[in-house]
């Protein structure tokens, strides 16, 4: 069952104007991809889309996040930029980084090969598996949000939407945004609590309890 699609998703997309949505181009096509690791698990029950907001700062290492970073190191180009930082927005509201449930992976949109790699990773995470189950790898890994190049995807969304820090007060995409704030120099991947605890089917290789 979908858990509160983001108080925290950085206030991201629920109030977008039609104009902004039309001006924004999604980075991927959301179609099946070759060699999808989720295909090997397709017979197991697939996790429901879930968004777990962060509420506090917690330095405690998260085994699922460590596993995701190691997986990226083996299967993707790019550079690890970090996971934990105590980033709070108010009482009971924080970045997923504050709970160690998000990783920043350095890839630069201005470098064609790096942009292509980021888009390959996003396409892989959000592709359907061989049974047609959508966003299969993201759900099995416990990935609940992705931010890249002024775009945001969160659990329960069918596609990327404009990322709110890149929008003007009129809901249009800004021409100039800080490169890091816009996530144009890194890919952000956030995890659910179960994913970060390494308790989802991609990590356990069995049905989630």
N, C-alpha and C. Protein backbone atom coordinates (compact mmCIF):
# COMPACT_ATOMS: atom_id res chain seq x y z
N UNK A 1 0.86 -1.19 0.00
CA UNK A 1 0.00 0.00 0.00
C UNK A 1 0.89 1.23 0.00
N UNK A 2 0.51 2.20 -0.81
CA UNK A 2 1.32 3.42 -0.91
C UNK A 2 1.27 4.20 0.38
N UNK A 3 2.43 4.54 0.92
CA UNK A 3 2.52 5.30 2.15
C UNK A 3 2.75 6.75 1.80
N UNK A 4 1.82 7.60 2.17
CA UNK A 4 1.92 9.05 2.06
C UNK A 4 2.88 9.57 1.03
N UNK A 5 2.46 9.73 -0.13
CA UNK A 5 3.35 10.20 -1.20
C UNK A 5 3.77 11.60 -0.83
N UNK A 6 4.68 11.73 -0.15
CA UNK A 6 5.62 12.72 0.22
C UNK A 6 5.17 14.07 0.63
N UNK A 7 5.08 14.15 1.87
CA UNK A 7 5.26 15.40 2.53
C UNK A 7 6.66 15.79 2.21
N UNK A 8 7.48 14.79 2.08
CA UNK A 8 8.89 14.96 1.95
C UNK A 8 9.39 14.90 0.56
N UNK A 9 8.70 14.41 -0.30
CA UNK A 9 9.24 14.30 -1.64
C UNK A 9 9.60 15.70 -2.06
N UNK A 10 10.11 16.44 -1.14
CA UNK A 10 10.62 17.79 -1.30
C UNK A 10 9.53 18.69 -1.85
N UNK A 11 8.33 18.42 -1.48
CA UNK A 11 7.18 19.16 -1.94
C UNK A 11 7.00 19.09 -3.42
N UNK A 12 7.31 17.98 -3.96
CA UNK A 12 7.81 17.96 -5.30
C UNK A 12 6.83 18.19 -6.43
N UNK A 13 5.73 17.49 -6.52
CA UNK A 13 5.09 17.54 -7.81
C UNK A 13 3.59 17.68 -7.80
N UNK A 14 2.99 17.66 -6.65
CA UNK A 14 1.54 17.56 -6.65
C UNK A 14 0.84 18.85 -7.07
N UNK A 15 1.57 19.99 -7.04
CA UNK A 15 0.94 21.25 -7.41
C UNK A 15 1.48 21.80 -8.72
N UNK A 16 1.96 20.94 -9.58
CA UNK A 16 2.54 21.40 -10.84
C UNK A 16 1.48 21.99 -11.76
N UNK A 17 1.86 23.02 -12.48
CA UNK A 17 0.95 23.56 -13.49
C UNK A 17 1.01 22.71 -14.75
N UNK A 18 -0.03 22.78 -15.55
CA UNK A 18 -0.05 22.03 -16.81
C UNK A 18 1.08 22.49 -17.71
N UNK A 19 1.36 23.79 -17.71
CA UNK A 19 2.42 24.32 -18.58
C UNK A 19 3.76 23.71 -18.24
N UNK A 20 4.07 23.61 -16.93
CA UNK A 20 5.36 23.04 -16.53
C UNK A 20 5.45 21.58 -16.92
N UNK A 21 4.37 20.85 -16.71
CA UNK A 21 4.38 19.43 -17.05
C UNK A 21 4.62 19.23 -18.54
N UNK A 22 4.08 20.12 -19.37
CA UNK A 22 4.25 19.99 -20.80
C UNK A 22 5.64 20.41 -21.24
N UNK A 23 6.28 21.33 -20.51
CA UNK A 23 7.59 21.81 -20.89
C UNK A 23 8.68 20.82 -20.50
N UNK A 24 8.39 19.95 -19.57
CA UNK A 24 9.38 19.02 -19.05
C UNK A 24 9.42 17.74 -19.87
N UNK A 25 10.62 17.26 -20.17
CA UNK A 25 10.77 16.01 -20.91
C UNK A 25 11.28 14.92 -19.98
N UNK A 26 10.56 13.81 -19.91
CA UNK A 26 10.98 12.69 -19.08
C UNK A 26 12.29 12.10 -19.61
N UNK A 27 13.19 11.66 -18.73
CA UNK A 27 14.49 11.16 -19.19
C UNK A 27 14.45 9.78 -19.81
N UNK A 28 13.39 9.01 -19.59
CA UNK A 28 13.33 7.63 -20.09
C UNK A 28 11.94 7.31 -20.64
N UNK A 29 11.82 6.13 -21.26
CA UNK A 29 10.58 5.75 -21.93
C UNK A 29 9.70 4.80 -21.11
N UNK A 30 10.22 4.25 -20.00
CA UNK A 30 9.45 3.35 -19.12
C UNK A 30 9.04 2.07 -19.82
N UNK A 31 9.86 1.61 -20.74
CA UNK A 31 9.60 0.37 -21.45
C UNK A 31 10.58 -0.71 -20.98
N UNK A 32 10.33 -1.94 -21.36
CA UNK A 32 11.18 -3.06 -20.95
C UNK A 32 12.61 -2.86 -21.44
N UNK A 33 13.58 -3.33 -20.65
CA UNK A 33 14.98 -3.24 -21.01
C UNK A 33 15.61 -4.63 -20.97
N UNK A 34 16.69 -4.79 -21.71
CA UNK A 34 17.39 -6.07 -21.72
C UNK A 34 18.17 -6.26 -20.43
N UNK A 35 18.34 -7.51 -20.03
CA UNK A 35 19.15 -7.87 -18.86
C UNK A 35 18.69 -7.16 -17.60
N UNK A 36 17.38 -7.13 -17.39
CA UNK A 36 16.82 -6.53 -16.18
C UNK A 36 16.97 -7.53 -15.03
N UNK A 37 17.71 -7.19 -13.96
CA UNK A 37 17.88 -8.12 -12.84
C UNK A 37 16.57 -8.53 -12.19
N UNK A 38 15.54 -7.71 -12.36
CA UNK A 38 14.24 -8.03 -11.76
C UNK A 38 13.58 -9.23 -12.43
N UNK A 39 13.99 -9.54 -13.66
CA UNK A 39 13.37 -10.66 -14.37
C UNK A 39 13.59 -11.98 -13.64
N UNK A 40 14.75 -12.14 -13.01
CA UNK A 40 15.06 -13.38 -12.31
C UNK A 40 14.19 -13.58 -11.08
N UNK A 41 13.54 -12.51 -10.63
CA UNK A 41 12.71 -12.56 -9.42
C UNK A 41 11.23 -12.43 -9.74
N UNK A 42 10.89 -12.45 -11.01
CA UNK A 42 9.53 -12.10 -11.43
C UNK A 42 8.45 -12.99 -10.83
N UNK A 43 8.78 -14.22 -10.46
CA UNK A 43 7.78 -15.13 -9.90
C UNK A 43 7.50 -14.84 -8.42
N UNK A 44 8.35 -14.07 -7.78
CA UNK A 44 8.11 -13.70 -6.38
C UNK A 44 7.12 -12.55 -6.31
N UNK A 45 6.31 -12.48 -5.24
CA UNK A 45 5.40 -11.33 -5.09
C UNK A 45 6.20 -10.02 -5.14
N UNK A 46 5.68 -9.05 -5.87
CA UNK A 46 6.37 -7.77 -6.03
C UNK A 46 5.90 -6.78 -4.97
N UNK A 47 6.84 -6.09 -4.35
CA UNK A 47 6.51 -5.11 -3.32
C UNK A 47 5.59 -4.02 -3.87
N UNK A 48 4.66 -3.58 -3.04
CA UNK A 48 3.80 -2.46 -3.42
C UNK A 48 4.62 -1.16 -3.39
N UNK A 49 4.28 -0.18 -4.25
CA UNK A 49 4.98 1.12 -4.19
C UNK A 49 4.78 1.74 -2.81
N UNK A 50 5.89 2.13 -2.19
CA UNK A 50 5.84 2.65 -0.82
C UNK A 50 6.75 3.87 -0.70
N UNK A 51 6.26 4.91 -0.04
CA UNK A 51 7.11 6.07 0.26
C UNK A 51 7.15 6.26 1.77
N UNK A 52 8.34 6.15 2.35
CA UNK A 52 8.54 6.36 3.78
C UNK A 52 9.24 7.69 4.00
N UNK A 53 8.53 8.73 4.46
CA UNK A 53 9.19 10.01 4.72
C UNK A 53 10.23 9.89 5.82
N UNK A 54 11.25 10.71 5.76
CA UNK A 54 12.25 10.78 6.84
C UNK A 54 11.81 11.85 7.84
N UNK A 55 12.15 11.63 9.10
CA UNK A 55 11.70 12.55 10.15
C UNK A 55 12.81 13.08 11.04
N UNK A 56 13.99 12.44 11.00
CA UNK A 56 15.03 12.82 11.96
C UNK A 56 16.40 12.48 11.39
N UNK A 57 17.44 12.84 12.14
CA UNK A 57 18.80 12.49 11.74
C UNK A 57 19.23 11.21 12.45
N UNK A 58 19.75 10.28 11.70
CA UNK A 58 20.19 9.00 12.25
C UNK A 58 21.42 8.53 11.50
N UNK A 59 22.55 8.45 12.21
CA UNK A 59 23.80 8.04 11.58
C UNK A 59 23.94 6.52 11.47
N UNK A 60 23.02 5.79 12.09
CA UNK A 60 23.15 4.33 12.11
C UNK A 60 23.25 3.80 10.68
N UNK A 61 24.29 3.01 10.38
CA UNK A 61 24.45 2.48 9.02
C UNK A 61 23.24 1.65 8.58
N UNK A 62 22.87 1.80 7.34
CA UNK A 62 21.74 1.07 6.78
C UNK A 62 22.27 0.00 5.82
N UNK A 63 22.10 -1.27 6.15
CA UNK A 63 22.70 -2.33 5.32
C UNK A 63 22.21 -2.35 3.88
N UNK A 64 20.94 -2.01 3.67
CA UNK A 64 20.42 -1.98 2.30
C UNK A 64 21.03 -0.86 1.49
N UNK A 65 21.28 0.29 2.13
CA UNK A 65 21.92 1.39 1.42
C UNK A 65 23.36 1.03 1.08
N UNK A 66 24.05 0.39 2.03
CA UNK A 66 25.41 -0.08 1.75
C UNK A 66 25.41 -1.04 0.57
N UNK A 67 24.41 -1.94 0.54
CA UNK A 67 24.31 -2.91 -0.56
C UNK A 67 24.02 -2.21 -1.89
N UNK A 68 23.17 -1.18 -1.87
CA UNK A 68 22.87 -0.44 -3.10
C UNK A 68 24.11 0.28 -3.62
N UNK A 69 24.87 0.91 -2.72
CA UNK A 69 26.10 1.59 -3.12
C UNK A 69 27.08 0.59 -3.74
N UNK A 70 27.20 -0.58 -3.12
CA UNK A 70 28.09 -1.61 -3.67
C UNK A 70 27.60 -2.10 -5.03
N UNK A 71 26.29 -2.23 -5.17
CA UNK A 71 25.72 -2.66 -6.45
C UNK A 71 26.01 -1.62 -7.53
N UNK A 72 25.84 -0.34 -7.21
CA UNK A 72 26.15 0.72 -8.17
C UNK A 72 27.63 0.67 -8.56
N UNK A 73 28.49 0.43 -7.57
CA UNK A 73 29.92 0.36 -7.85
C UNK A 73 30.28 -0.76 -8.81
N UNK A 74 29.51 -1.84 -8.76
CA UNK A 74 29.78 -2.99 -9.64
C UNK A 74 29.12 -2.87 -11.00
N UNK A 75 27.97 -2.21 -11.05
CA UNK A 75 27.14 -2.27 -12.26
C UNK A 75 26.94 -0.92 -12.95
N UNK A 76 27.55 0.14 -12.45
CA UNK A 76 27.32 1.45 -13.05
C UNK A 76 28.61 2.27 -13.09
N UNK A 77 28.69 3.14 -14.08
CA UNK A 77 29.73 4.15 -14.07
C UNK A 77 29.30 5.25 -13.10
N UNK A 78 30.24 6.11 -12.73
CA UNK A 78 29.91 7.19 -11.81
C UNK A 78 30.74 7.10 -10.55
N UNK A 79 30.58 8.10 -9.68
CA UNK A 79 31.38 8.21 -8.46
C UNK A 79 30.46 8.39 -7.26
N UNK A 80 30.74 7.66 -6.20
CA UNK A 80 29.98 7.77 -4.95
C UNK A 80 30.23 9.12 -4.30
N UNK A 81 29.16 9.86 -4.03
CA UNK A 81 29.27 11.17 -3.39
C UNK A 81 28.85 11.15 -1.93
N UNK A 82 28.24 10.10 -1.48
CA UNK A 82 27.87 10.04 -0.07
C UNK A 82 26.41 9.67 0.14
N UNK A 83 26.11 9.34 1.40
CA UNK A 83 24.74 8.98 1.77
C UNK A 83 24.23 9.87 2.91
N UNK A 84 24.88 9.79 4.07
CA UNK A 84 24.34 10.47 5.25
C UNK A 84 24.75 11.94 5.33
N UNK A 85 23.79 12.79 5.62
CA UNK A 85 24.05 14.15 6.11
C UNK A 85 22.79 14.59 6.86
N UNK A 86 22.98 15.26 7.96
CA UNK A 86 21.85 15.66 8.82
C UNK A 86 21.18 16.89 8.22
N UNK A 87 20.21 16.64 7.39
CA UNK A 87 19.53 17.70 6.63
C UNK A 87 18.06 17.71 7.04
N UNK A 88 17.72 18.60 7.97
CA UNK A 88 16.35 18.69 8.47
C UNK A 88 15.66 19.92 7.90
N UNK A 89 14.35 19.81 7.68
CA UNK A 89 13.58 20.91 7.14
C UNK A 89 12.64 21.52 8.15
N UNK A 90 12.47 20.88 9.27
CA UNK A 90 11.54 21.36 10.28
C UNK A 90 11.23 20.23 11.25
N UNK A 91 10.35 20.48 12.18
CA UNK A 91 9.99 19.46 13.17
C UNK A 91 9.36 18.26 12.47
N UNK A 92 9.98 17.11 12.65
CA UNK A 92 9.44 15.88 12.08
C UNK A 92 9.54 15.78 10.57
N UNK A 93 10.43 16.58 9.96
CA UNK A 93 10.57 16.57 8.51
C UNK A 93 12.04 16.67 8.14
N UNK A 94 12.52 15.73 7.33
CA UNK A 94 13.94 15.71 6.99
C UNK A 94 14.16 15.08 5.62
N UNK A 95 15.35 15.31 5.09
CA UNK A 95 15.77 14.66 3.85
C UNK A 95 16.00 13.17 4.11
N UNK A 96 15.85 12.36 3.09
CA UNK A 96 16.19 10.94 3.24
C UNK A 96 17.66 10.77 3.59
N UNK A 97 18.50 11.73 3.19
CA UNK A 97 19.91 11.67 3.57
C UNK A 97 20.08 11.71 5.10
N UNK A 98 19.17 12.38 5.78
CA UNK A 98 19.27 12.51 7.23
C UNK A 98 19.13 11.17 7.94
N UNK A 99 18.45 10.24 7.31
CA UNK A 99 18.32 8.89 7.88
C UNK A 99 19.24 7.90 7.17
N UNK A 100 20.14 8.40 6.34
CA UNK A 100 21.05 7.52 5.63
C UNK A 100 20.36 6.64 4.62
N UNK A 101 19.22 7.13 4.08
CA UNK A 101 18.44 6.33 3.13
C UNK A 101 18.49 6.88 1.71
N UNK A 102 19.50 7.68 1.41
CA UNK A 102 19.65 8.21 0.05
C UNK A 102 21.13 8.26 -0.31
N UNK A 103 21.40 8.01 -1.57
CA UNK A 103 22.77 8.10 -2.08
C UNK A 103 22.82 9.11 -3.21
N UNK A 104 23.89 9.89 -3.25
CA UNK A 104 24.18 10.77 -4.37
C UNK A 104 25.29 10.12 -5.19
N UNK A 105 25.02 9.92 -6.47
CA UNK A 105 25.95 9.24 -7.37
C UNK A 105 26.34 10.21 -8.47
N UNK A 106 27.62 10.60 -8.49
CA UNK A 106 28.07 11.67 -9.38
C UNK A 106 28.05 11.25 -10.85
N UNK A 107 27.19 11.91 -11.60
CA UNK A 107 27.11 11.80 -13.06
C UNK A 107 26.68 13.18 -13.55
N UNK A 108 27.32 13.68 -14.59
CA UNK A 108 27.09 15.06 -15.03
C UNK A 108 26.28 15.08 -16.32
N UNK A 109 25.17 15.80 -16.28
CA UNK A 109 24.28 15.87 -17.44
C UNK A 109 24.97 16.52 -18.64
N UNK A 110 26.00 17.34 -18.39
CA UNK A 110 26.69 18.03 -19.48
C UNK A 110 27.70 17.14 -20.21
N UNK A 111 27.98 15.98 -19.63
CA UNK A 111 28.92 15.03 -20.26
C UNK A 111 28.09 13.92 -20.90
N UNK A 112 28.05 13.85 -22.23
CA UNK A 112 27.14 12.92 -22.90
C UNK A 112 27.18 11.48 -22.38
N UNK A 113 28.37 10.94 -22.15
CA UNK A 113 28.46 9.56 -21.68
C UNK A 113 27.88 9.40 -20.28
N UNK A 114 28.07 10.42 -19.44
CA UNK A 114 27.54 10.36 -18.08
C UNK A 114 26.02 10.54 -18.07
N UNK A 115 25.54 11.42 -18.91
CA UNK A 115 24.08 11.59 -19.03
C UNK A 115 23.44 10.28 -19.50
N UNK A 116 24.05 9.65 -20.48
CA UNK A 116 23.54 8.38 -21.00
C UNK A 116 23.52 7.33 -19.90
N UNK A 117 24.56 7.31 -19.07
CA UNK A 117 24.62 6.32 -17.98
C UNK A 117 23.53 6.57 -16.95
N UNK A 118 23.31 7.82 -16.58
CA UNK A 118 22.23 8.13 -15.63
C UNK A 118 20.88 7.69 -16.19
N UNK A 119 20.65 7.98 -17.45
CA UNK A 119 19.38 7.59 -18.07
C UNK A 119 19.25 6.07 -18.18
N UNK A 120 20.36 5.38 -18.39
CA UNK A 120 20.33 3.91 -18.42
C UNK A 120 19.93 3.36 -17.05
N UNK A 121 20.49 3.92 -15.99
CA UNK A 121 20.16 3.46 -14.64
C UNK A 121 18.70 3.73 -14.31
N UNK A 122 18.23 4.92 -14.65
CA UNK A 122 16.82 5.26 -14.39
C UNK A 122 15.90 4.32 -15.17
N UNK A 123 16.23 4.10 -16.43
CA UNK A 123 15.40 3.20 -17.26
C UNK A 123 15.37 1.80 -16.67
N UNK A 124 16.50 1.34 -16.16
CA UNK A 124 16.57 0.01 -15.56
C UNK A 124 15.72 -0.08 -14.30
N UNK A 125 15.82 0.92 -13.44
CA UNK A 125 15.06 0.92 -12.19
C UNK A 125 13.56 0.98 -12.43
N UNK A 126 13.14 1.72 -13.45
CA UNK A 126 11.71 1.96 -13.65
C UNK A 126 11.08 1.11 -14.76
N UNK A 127 11.85 0.23 -15.35
CA UNK A 127 11.32 -0.62 -16.42
C UNK A 127 10.41 -1.72 -15.87
N UNK A 128 9.44 -2.17 -16.66
CA UNK A 128 8.67 -3.34 -16.26
C UNK A 128 9.53 -4.60 -16.38
N UNK A 129 9.20 -5.62 -15.60
CA UNK A 129 9.91 -6.89 -15.73
C UNK A 129 9.29 -7.73 -16.84
N UNK A 130 9.73 -8.97 -16.97
CA UNK A 130 9.27 -9.81 -18.08
C UNK A 130 7.79 -10.16 -17.98
N UNK A 131 7.19 -9.96 -16.80
CA UNK A 131 5.75 -10.18 -16.64
C UNK A 131 4.95 -8.90 -16.85
N UNK A 132 5.67 -7.80 -17.14
CA UNK A 132 5.00 -6.52 -17.35
C UNK A 132 4.73 -5.75 -16.08
N UNK A 133 5.31 -6.18 -14.98
CA UNK A 133 5.10 -5.49 -13.70
C UNK A 133 5.94 -4.21 -13.68
N UNK A 134 5.30 -3.04 -13.50
CA UNK A 134 6.02 -1.77 -13.66
C UNK A 134 7.00 -1.48 -12.53
N UNK A 135 8.07 -0.76 -12.90
CA UNK A 135 9.05 -0.27 -11.93
C UNK A 135 9.58 -1.41 -11.06
N UNK A 136 9.78 -2.55 -11.69
CA UNK A 136 10.05 -3.78 -10.94
C UNK A 136 11.34 -3.73 -10.13
N UNK A 137 12.43 -3.28 -10.73
CA UNK A 137 13.69 -3.29 -10.00
C UNK A 137 13.66 -2.29 -8.85
N UNK A 138 13.13 -1.10 -9.09
CA UNK A 138 13.01 -0.10 -8.02
C UNK A 138 12.21 -0.67 -6.85
N UNK A 139 11.10 -1.30 -7.13
CA UNK A 139 10.25 -1.83 -6.06
C UNK A 139 10.94 -2.98 -5.33
N UNK A 140 11.63 -3.84 -6.06
CA UNK A 140 12.32 -4.96 -5.41
C UNK A 140 13.52 -4.50 -4.59
N UNK A 141 14.19 -3.47 -5.04
CA UNK A 141 15.32 -2.94 -4.27
C UNK A 141 14.85 -2.11 -3.08
N UNK A 142 13.64 -1.58 -3.16
CA UNK A 142 13.17 -0.66 -2.14
C UNK A 142 13.54 0.78 -2.44
N UNK A 143 13.61 1.12 -3.73
CA UNK A 143 13.88 2.50 -4.14
C UNK A 143 12.56 3.27 -4.16
N UNK A 144 12.53 4.40 -3.43
CA UNK A 144 11.29 5.17 -3.34
C UNK A 144 11.35 6.53 -4.02
N UNK A 145 12.54 6.99 -4.39
CA UNK A 145 12.60 8.25 -5.12
C UNK A 145 13.89 8.35 -5.92
N UNK A 146 13.79 9.07 -7.03
CA UNK A 146 14.94 9.34 -7.89
C UNK A 146 14.86 10.81 -8.31
N UNK A 147 15.98 11.51 -8.23
CA UNK A 147 16.03 12.91 -8.68
C UNK A 147 17.19 13.04 -9.66
N UNK A 148 16.90 13.66 -10.81
CA UNK A 148 17.93 13.82 -11.85
C UNK A 148 17.51 14.92 -12.82
N UNK A 149 18.41 15.85 -13.09
CA UNK A 149 18.24 16.85 -14.15
C UNK A 149 16.88 17.55 -14.07
N UNK A 150 16.59 18.14 -12.92
CA UNK A 150 15.34 18.88 -12.70
C UNK A 150 14.10 17.99 -12.82
N UNK A 151 14.27 16.69 -12.62
CA UNK A 151 13.14 15.78 -12.65
C UNK A 151 13.06 14.96 -11.37
N UNK A 152 11.84 14.58 -11.00
CA UNK A 152 11.61 13.81 -9.77
C UNK A 152 10.65 12.65 -10.04
N UNK A 153 11.02 11.50 -9.54
CA UNK A 153 10.11 10.35 -9.51
C UNK A 153 10.02 9.85 -8.08
N UNK A 154 8.79 9.58 -7.63
CA UNK A 154 8.58 9.02 -6.30
C UNK A 154 7.63 7.84 -6.38
N UNK A 155 7.72 6.95 -5.40
CA UNK A 155 6.88 5.74 -5.38
C UNK A 155 5.41 6.10 -5.56
N UNK A 156 4.74 5.38 -6.43
CA UNK A 156 3.34 5.63 -6.72
C UNK A 156 3.12 6.51 -7.93
N UNK A 157 4.20 7.12 -8.45
CA UNK A 157 4.10 7.94 -9.65
C UNK A 157 4.40 7.08 -10.87
N UNK A 158 3.71 7.33 -11.97
CA UNK A 158 3.94 6.51 -13.16
C UNK A 158 5.11 6.99 -14.00
N UNK A 159 5.57 8.22 -13.74
CA UNK A 159 6.68 8.77 -14.52
C UNK A 159 7.30 9.95 -13.78
N UNK A 160 8.42 10.44 -14.32
CA UNK A 160 9.07 11.62 -13.77
C UNK A 160 8.19 12.85 -13.94
N UNK A 161 8.33 13.78 -13.01
CA UNK A 161 7.68 15.08 -13.08
C UNK A 161 8.74 16.16 -12.82
N UNK A 162 8.46 17.42 -13.14
CA UNK A 162 9.41 18.48 -12.82
C UNK A 162 9.69 18.55 -11.32
N UNK A 163 10.93 18.79 -10.97
CA UNK A 163 11.39 18.89 -9.58
C UNK A 163 11.14 20.32 -9.10
N UNK A 164 10.44 20.47 -7.99
CA UNK A 164 9.93 21.79 -7.60
C UNK A 164 10.99 22.89 -7.46
N UNK A 165 12.24 22.61 -6.98
CA UNK A 165 13.22 23.70 -6.93
C UNK A 165 13.59 24.26 -8.30
N UNK A 166 13.22 23.56 -9.36
CA UNK A 166 13.51 24.03 -10.72
C UNK A 166 12.35 24.82 -11.32
N UNK A 167 11.28 25.00 -10.55
CA UNK A 167 10.10 25.69 -11.07
C UNK A 167 10.00 27.12 -10.54
N UNK A 168 9.52 28.00 -11.38
CA UNK A 168 9.26 29.38 -10.97
C UNK A 168 7.95 29.43 -10.19
N UNK A 169 7.64 30.59 -9.64
CA UNK A 169 6.38 30.75 -8.90
C UNK A 169 5.17 30.53 -9.80
N UNK A 170 5.36 30.72 -11.10
CA UNK A 170 4.27 30.50 -12.05
C UNK A 170 4.21 29.05 -12.53
N UNK A 171 5.10 28.21 -11.98
CA UNK A 171 5.06 26.80 -12.34
C UNK A 171 5.79 26.45 -13.61
N UNK A 172 6.62 27.36 -14.10
CA UNK A 172 7.39 27.08 -15.31
C UNK A 172 8.83 26.74 -14.93
N UNK A 173 9.48 25.95 -15.78
CA UNK A 173 10.86 25.58 -15.52
C UNK A 173 11.76 26.82 -15.59
N UNK A 174 12.58 27.01 -14.57
CA UNK A 174 13.50 28.13 -14.55
C UNK A 174 14.61 27.92 -15.58
N UNK A 175 15.12 29.02 -16.11
CA UNK A 175 16.22 28.91 -17.07
C UNK A 175 17.54 28.65 -16.37
N UNK A 176 17.68 29.19 -15.16
CA UNK A 176 18.94 29.01 -14.43
C UNK A 176 18.65 28.47 -13.03
N UNK A 177 19.28 27.35 -12.72
CA UNK A 177 19.17 26.73 -11.39
C UNK A 177 20.56 26.21 -11.03
N UNK A 178 20.94 26.35 -9.77
CA UNK A 178 22.21 25.79 -9.32
C UNK A 178 22.32 24.34 -9.76
N UNK A 179 23.45 23.99 -10.32
CA UNK A 179 23.62 22.66 -10.92
C UNK A 179 23.40 21.52 -9.93
N UNK A 180 23.89 21.70 -8.71
CA UNK A 180 23.74 20.64 -7.71
C UNK A 180 22.31 20.57 -7.20
N UNK A 181 21.69 21.73 -6.95
CA UNK A 181 20.29 21.75 -6.51
C UNK A 181 19.40 21.11 -7.58
N UNK A 182 19.71 21.37 -8.83
CA UNK A 182 18.93 20.81 -9.94
C UNK A 182 19.22 19.33 -10.18
N UNK A 183 20.22 18.80 -9.47
CA UNK A 183 20.65 17.41 -9.66
C UNK A 183 21.08 17.18 -11.11
N UNK A 184 21.90 18.12 -11.59
CA UNK A 184 22.46 17.98 -12.94
C UNK A 184 23.91 17.51 -12.90
N UNK A 185 24.46 17.39 -11.68
CA UNK A 185 25.81 16.84 -11.56
C UNK A 185 25.83 15.55 -10.74
N UNK A 186 24.65 15.07 -10.37
CA UNK A 186 24.58 13.79 -9.66
C UNK A 186 23.16 13.22 -9.73
N UNK A 187 23.09 11.93 -9.58
CA UNK A 187 21.83 11.20 -9.52
C UNK A 187 21.54 10.87 -8.06
N UNK A 188 20.34 11.22 -7.60
CA UNK A 188 19.92 10.95 -6.22
C UNK A 188 18.97 9.76 -6.22
N UNK A 189 19.26 8.77 -5.37
CA UNK A 189 18.40 7.59 -5.24
C UNK A 189 18.08 7.40 -3.76
N UNK A 190 16.79 7.41 -3.42
CA UNK A 190 16.36 7.24 -2.04
C UNK A 190 15.65 5.91 -1.84
N UNK A 191 15.76 5.37 -0.63
CA UNK A 191 15.21 4.04 -0.34
C UNK A 191 14.12 4.07 0.73
N UNK A 192 13.23 3.09 0.66
CA UNK A 192 12.24 2.87 1.72
C UNK A 192 12.96 2.36 2.96
N UNK A 193 12.24 2.32 4.06
CA UNK A 193 12.85 1.79 5.29
C UNK A 193 13.19 0.31 5.14
N UNK A 194 12.31 -0.46 4.50
CA UNK A 194 12.59 -1.88 4.32
C UNK A 194 13.74 -2.10 3.33
N UNK A 195 13.78 -1.28 2.29
CA UNK A 195 14.89 -1.39 1.36
C UNK A 195 16.21 -1.07 2.04
N UNK A 196 16.23 0.01 2.82
CA UNK A 196 17.44 0.41 3.53
C UNK A 196 17.85 -0.61 4.58
N UNK A 197 16.88 -1.37 5.07
CA UNK A 197 17.17 -2.43 6.04
C UNK A 197 17.56 -3.74 5.35
N UNK A 198 17.58 -3.72 4.03
CA UNK A 198 17.94 -4.90 3.22
C UNK A 198 16.93 -6.03 3.41
N UNK A 199 15.64 -5.65 3.45
CA UNK A 199 14.59 -6.65 3.69
C UNK A 199 13.63 -6.81 2.51
N UNK A 200 13.96 -6.22 1.37
CA UNK A 200 13.11 -6.39 0.19
C UNK A 200 13.65 -7.52 -0.68
N UNK A 201 12.83 -7.96 -1.64
CA UNK A 201 13.12 -9.21 -2.34
C UNK A 201 14.39 -9.20 -3.18
N UNK A 202 14.83 -8.04 -3.66
CA UNK A 202 16.07 -8.03 -4.43
C UNK A 202 17.25 -8.45 -3.57
N UNK A 203 17.22 -8.06 -2.31
CA UNK A 203 18.33 -8.35 -1.39
C UNK A 203 18.18 -9.71 -0.72
N UNK A 204 16.96 -10.10 -0.40
CA UNK A 204 16.75 -11.37 0.31
C UNK A 204 16.62 -12.56 -0.63
N UNK A 205 16.25 -12.27 -1.90
CA UNK A 205 15.99 -13.30 -2.92
C UNK A 205 14.82 -14.19 -2.54
N UNK A 206 13.92 -13.65 -1.73
CA UNK A 206 12.71 -14.38 -1.38
C UNK A 206 11.58 -13.37 -1.18
N UNK A 207 10.37 -13.85 -1.03
CA UNK A 207 9.23 -12.96 -0.84
C UNK A 207 9.40 -12.13 0.42
N UNK A 208 9.05 -10.84 0.34
CA UNK A 208 9.13 -9.98 1.52
C UNK A 208 8.09 -10.41 2.53
N UNK A 209 8.48 -10.38 3.79
CA UNK A 209 7.53 -10.77 4.85
C UNK A 209 6.76 -9.56 5.32
